Amino acid sequence: MFLQGSVFCFVLILIKFSCPQNLKVIDLQQTDYMRTLEGAIQFGLPVLLQNVQERLDPSLDPVLNKSLMKIGKKC
């Protein structure tokens, strides 16, 4: 889904209203976006990716394919 301008702002407000605690908005142009994404996954926080291009970074494939490994005894 590609959102621009006011539509992006509307979706952002809608998501923050429905799950307001700790929504992580990640810009794929940031240098540390992977670290932020890893932290959000680790703690089960919602994530919104912005500035997504036609081709995604291959390091996002495990997340998008839900091929994650559970390590430890966390519920």
C-alpha atoms as a PDB file:
ATOM      1  CA  MET A   1       0.000   0.000   0.000  1.00  0.00           C
ATOM      2  CA  PHE A   2       1.455   3.345  -1.012  1.00  0.00           C
ATOM      3  CA  LEU A   3       0.261   6.343   0.963  1.00  0.00           C
ATOM      4  CA  GLN A   4       1.110   9.947   0.270  1.00  0.00           C
ATOM      5  CA  GLY A   5       0.534  13.282   1.964  1.00  0.00           C
ATOM      6  CA  SER A   6      -2.711  13.668   3.868  1.00  0.00           C
ATOM      7  CA  VAL A   7      -3.643  10.000   3.409  1.00  0.00           C
ATOM      8  CA  PHE A   8      -0.434   8.989   5.198  1.00  0.00           C
ATOM      9  CA  CYS A   9      -1.240  11.413   8.041  1.00  0.00           C
ATOM     10  CA  PHE A  10      -4.785  10.019   8.292  1.00  0.00           C
ATOM     11  CA  VAL A  11      -3.526   6.420   8.488  1.00  0.00           C
ATOM     12  CA  LEU A  12      -0.903   7.415  11.056  1.00  0.00           C
ATOM     13  CA  ILE A  13      -3.553   9.088  13.248  1.00  0.00           C
ATOM     14  CA  LEU A  14      -5.889   6.111  12.825  1.00  0.00           C
ATOM     15  CA  ILE A  15      -3.184   3.640  13.864  1.00  0.00           C
ATOM     16  CA  LYS A  16      -2.101   5.772  16.828  1.00  0.00           C
ATOM     17  CA  PHE A  17      -5.744   5.969  17.939  1.00  0.00           C
ATOM     18  CA  SER A  18      -6.326   2.215  17.688  1.00  0.00           C
ATOM     19  CA  CYS A  19      -3.006   1.134  19.245  1.00  0.00           C
ATOM     20  CA  PRO A  20      -1.506   4.231  20.844  1.00  0.00           C
ATOM     21  CA  GLN A  21       1.174   2.611  22.973  1.00  0.00           C
ATOM     22  CA  ASN A  22       4.606   2.825  21.430  1.00  0.00           C
ATOM     23  CA  LEU A  23       3.823   2.872  17.707  1.00  0.00           C
ATOM     24  CA  LYS A  24       7.177   2.919  15.906  1.00  0.00           C
ATOM     25  CA  VAL A  25       7.255   4.899  12.666  1.00  0.00           C
ATOM     26  CA  ILE A  26      10.324   3.854  10.710  1.00  0.00           C
ATOM     27  CA  ASP A  27      11.669   5.659   7.680  1.00  0.00           C
ATOM     28  CA  LEU A  28      13.619   3.247   5.490  1.00  0.00           C
ATOM     29  CA  GLN A  29      16.017   6.090   4.683  1.00  0.00           C
ATOM     30  CA  GLN A  30      17.211   6.171   8.306  1.00  0.00           C
ATOM     31  CA  THR A  31      20.588   4.612   8.959  1.00  0.00           C
ATOM     32  CA  ASP A  32      19.426   2.744  12.074  1.00  0.00           C
ATOM     33  CA  TYR A  33      16.000   1.564  10.869  1.00  0.00           C
ATOM     34  CA  MET A  34      16.950  -2.106  11.265  1.00  0.00           C
ATOM     35  CA  ARG A  35      17.862  -1.633  14.931  1.00  0.00           C
ATOM     36  CA  THR A  36      14.541   0.111  15.576  1.00  0.00           C
ATOM     37  CA  LEU A  37      12.666  -2.657  13.759  1.00  0.00           C
ATOM     38  CA  GLU A  38      14.459  -5.378  15.729  1.00  0.00           C
ATOM     39  CA  GLY A  39      13.559  -3.681  19.004  1.00  0.00           C
ATOM     40  CA  ALA A  40       9.928  -3.338  17.993  1.00  0.00           C
ATOM     41  CA  ILE A  41       9.735  -7.017  17.026  1.00  0.00           C
ATOM     42  CA  GLN A  42      11.455  -8.086  20.221  1.00  0.00           C
ATOM     43  CA  PHE A  43       8.965  -6.205  22.397  1.00  0.00           C
ATOM     44  CA  GLY A  44       5.895  -6.819  20.214  1.00  0.00           C
ATOM     45  CA  LEU A  45       5.357  -3.181  19.268  1.00  0.00           C
ATOM     46  CA  PRO A  46       3.427  -2.069  16.173  1.00  0.00           C
ATOM     47  CA  VAL A  47       5.518  -0.678  13.297  1.00  0.00           C
ATOM     48  CA  LEU A  48       4.647   1.600  10.391  1.00  0.00           C
ATOM     49  CA  LEU A  49       7.184   1.745   7.554  1.00  0.00           C
ATOM     50  CA  GLN A  50       7.337   4.932   5.525  1.00  0.00           C
ATOM     51  CA  ASN A  51       9.223   5.888   2.356  1.00  0.00           C
ATOM     52  CA  VAL A  52       9.049   2.320   1.071  1.00  0.00           C
ATOM     53  CA  GLN A  53      10.481   1.965  -2.439  1.00  0.00           C
ATOM     54  CA  GLU A  54       9.539  -0.556  -5.124  1.00  0.00           C
ATOM     55  CA  ARG A  55      12.380  -2.828  -4.064  1.00  0.00           C
ATOM     56  CA  LEU A  56      12.756  -3.620  -0.403  1.00  0.00           C
ATOM     57  CA  ASP A  57      15.951  -4.369   1.450  1.00  0.00           C
ATOM     58  CA  PRO A  58      16.406  -8.179   1.413  1.00  0.00           C
ATOM     59  CA  SER A  59      17.052  -8.071   5.163  1.00  0.00           C
ATOM     60  CA  LEU A  60      13.297  -7.398   5.597  1.00  0.00           C
ATOM     61  CA  ASP A  61      12.336 -10.716   3.947  1.00  0.00           C
ATOM     62  CA  PRO A  62      12.289 -12.798   7.174  1.00  0.00           C
ATOM     63  CA  VAL A  63       9.974 -10.271   8.804  1.00  0.00           C
ATOM     64  CA  LEU A  64       7.632 -10.017   5.829  1.00  0.00           C
ATOM     65  CA  ASN A  65       7.555 -13.807   5.431  1.00  0.00           C
ATOM     66  CA  LYS A  66       7.039 -14.265   9.192  1.00  0.00           C
ATOM     67  CA  SER A  67       9.987 -16.642   9.318  1.00  0.00           C
ATOM     68  CA  LEU A  68      11.151 -15.576  12.759  1.00  0.00           C
ATOM     69  CA  MET A  69      12.730 -17.724  15.439  1.00  0.00           C
ATOM     70  CA  LYS A  70      11.582 -17.685  19.050  1.00  0.00           C
ATOM     71  CA  ILE A  71      14.522 -17.679  21.442  1.00  0.00           C
ATOM     72  CA  GLY A  72      14.068 -18.107  25.179  1.00  0.00           C
ATOM     73  CA  LYS A  73      10.931 -18.596  27.257  1.00  0.00           C
ATOM     74  CA  LYS A  74       9.110 -15.316  26.593  1.00  0.00           C
ATOM     75  CA  CYS A  75       5.380 -15.704  26.077  1.00  0.00           C
END
